[in-house]
């Protein structure tokens, strides 16, 4: 979920994550499993990093949009 307030950096991250998630889908890997895969990996210059910890799911897209807007 790109954050418009973050500008070009957020758009670059969105492109990098779109590639990662397309790869995951093509290989039968769920989005949550993909996040677990990238958790704890070194920071990527475009995609950023997924902090170590337990991934969580939000109940709705609206909840995700609200979380992204809050930063």
C-alpha atoms as a PDB file:
ATOM      1  CA  UNK A   1       0.000   0.000   0.000  1.00  0.00           C
ATOM      2  CA  UNK A   2       2.026   3.018  -1.159  1.00  0.00           C
ATOM      3  CA  UNK A   3       1.845   6.170   0.926  1.00  0.00           C
ATOM      4  CA  UNK A   4       1.404   9.226  -1.273  1.00  0.00           C
ATOM      5  CA  UNK A   5       2.902  11.427   1.455  1.00  0.00           C
ATOM      6  CA  UNK A   6       6.203   9.559   1.088  1.00  0.00           C
ATOM      7  CA  UNK A   7       6.560  10.681  -2.531  1.00  0.00           C
ATOM      8  CA  UNK A   8       8.858   9.014  -5.043  1.00  0.00           C
ATOM      9  CA  UNK A   9      10.457   6.752  -2.454  1.00  0.00           C
ATOM     10  CA  UNK A  10       7.076   5.133  -1.761  1.00  0.00           C
ATOM     11  CA  UNK A  11       6.440   4.654  -5.469  1.00  0.00           C
ATOM     12  CA  UNK A  12       9.847   3.001  -5.886  1.00  0.00           C
ATOM     13  CA  UNK A  13       9.069   0.669  -2.983  1.00  0.00           C
ATOM     14  CA  UNK A  14       5.688  -0.159  -4.527  1.00  0.00           C
ATOM     15  CA  UNK A  15       7.379  -1.178  -7.787  1.00  0.00           C
ATOM     16  CA  UNK A  16       9.887  -3.370  -5.937  1.00  0.00           C
ATOM     17  CA  UNK A  17       7.172  -5.049  -3.853  1.00  0.00           C
ATOM     18  CA  UNK A  18       4.945  -5.541  -6.879  1.00  0.00           C
ATOM     19  CA  UNK A  19       7.790  -7.502  -8.487  1.00  0.00           C
ATOM     20  CA  UNK A  20       8.318  -9.546  -5.340  1.00  0.00           C
ATOM     21  CA  UNK A  21       4.628 -10.336  -4.945  1.00  0.00           C
ATOM     22  CA  UNK A  22       4.205 -11.196  -8.629  1.00  0.00           C
ATOM     23  CA  UNK A  23       7.099 -13.635  -8.281  1.00  0.00           C
ATOM     24  CA  UNK A  24       5.455 -15.086  -5.172  1.00  0.00           C
ATOM     25  CA  UNK A  25       2.106 -15.535  -6.922  1.00  0.00           C
ATOM     26  CA  UNK A  26       3.720 -17.151  -9.960  1.00  0.00           C
ATOM     27  CA  UNK A  27       5.451 -19.610  -7.630  1.00  0.00           C
ATOM     28  CA  UNK A  28       2.414 -20.407  -5.490  1.00  0.00           C
ATOM     29  CA  UNK A  29       3.660 -18.420  -2.493  1.00  0.00           C
ATOM     30  CA  UNK A  30       1.005 -16.518  -0.532  1.00  0.00           C
ATOM     31  CA  UNK A  31       1.537 -12.813   0.202  1.00  0.00           C
ATOM     32  CA  UNK A  32       1.889 -13.568   3.929  1.00  0.00           C
ATOM     33  CA  UNK A  33       4.463 -16.291   3.225  1.00  0.00           C
ATOM     34  CA  UNK A  34       6.350 -13.822   1.019  1.00  0.00           C
ATOM     35  CA  UNK A  35       6.450 -11.316   3.892  1.00  0.00           C
ATOM     36  CA  UNK A  36       7.717 -14.036   6.204  1.00  0.00           C
ATOM     37  CA  UNK A  37      10.406 -14.858   3.629  1.00  0.00           C
ATOM     38  CA  UNK A  38      11.624 -11.252   3.525  1.00  0.00           C
ATOM     39  CA  UNK A  39      11.350 -10.712   7.290  1.00  0.00           C
ATOM     40  CA  UNK A  40      14.735  -9.993   8.810  1.00  0.00           C
ATOM     41  CA  UNK A  41      16.540  -9.725   5.469  1.00  0.00           C
ATOM     42  CA  UNK A  42      18.896  -6.749   5.036  1.00  0.00           C
ATOM     43  CA  UNK A  43      17.269  -3.513   3.931  1.00  0.00           C
ATOM     44  CA  UNK A  44      16.800  -3.201   0.175  1.00  0.00           C
ATOM     45  CA  UNK A  45      17.481   0.234  -1.317  1.00  0.00           C
ATOM     46  CA  UNK A  46      14.084   0.303  -3.031  1.00  0.00           C
ATOM     47  CA  UNK A  47      11.849  -2.116  -1.151  1.00  0.00           C
ATOM     48  CA  UNK A  48      12.958  -1.232   2.357  1.00  0.00           C
ATOM     49  CA  UNK A  49      12.773  -4.040   4.874  1.00  0.00           C
ATOM     50  CA  UNK A  50      10.320  -6.196   6.746  1.00  0.00           C
ATOM     51  CA  UNK A  51      11.098  -6.037  10.455  1.00  0.00           C
ATOM     52  CA  UNK A  52      11.571  -9.245  12.384  1.00  0.00           C
ATOM     53  CA  UNK A  53       8.439 -10.138  14.246  1.00  0.00           C
ATOM     54  CA  UNK A  54       5.144 -11.809  13.782  1.00  0.00           C
ATOM     55  CA  UNK A  55       3.366 -10.686  10.601  1.00  0.00           C
ATOM     56  CA  UNK A  56      -0.270  -9.857  11.070  1.00  0.00           C
ATOM     57  CA  UNK A  57      -3.339  -9.651   8.907  1.00  0.00           C
ATOM     58  CA  UNK A  58      -5.894  -6.877   8.867  1.00  0.00           C
ATOM     59  CA  UNK A  59      -9.578  -7.668   8.516  1.00  0.00           C
ATOM     60  CA  UNK A  60     -10.288  -5.388   5.542  1.00  0.00           C
ATOM     61  CA  UNK A  61      -8.651  -3.360   2.801  1.00  0.00           C
ATOM     62  CA  UNK A  62     -10.048  -0.243   4.500  1.00  0.00           C
ATOM     63  CA  UNK A  63      -8.106  -1.153   7.660  1.00  0.00           C
ATOM     64  CA  UNK A  64      -4.920  -1.483   5.596  1.00  0.00           C
ATOM     65  CA  UNK A  65      -5.529   1.879   3.932  1.00  0.00           C
ATOM     66  CA  UNK A  66      -6.088   3.477   7.343  1.00  0.00           C
ATOM     67  CA  UNK A  67      -2.849   1.991   8.694  1.00  0.00           C
ATOM     68  CA  UNK A  68      -0.904   3.174   5.631  1.00  0.00           C
ATOM     69  CA  UNK A  69      -2.342   6.688   5.900  1.00  0.00           C
ATOM     70  CA  UNK A  70      -1.327   6.884   9.570  1.00  0.00           C
ATOM     71  CA  UNK A  71       2.273   6.064   8.706  1.00  0.00           C
END
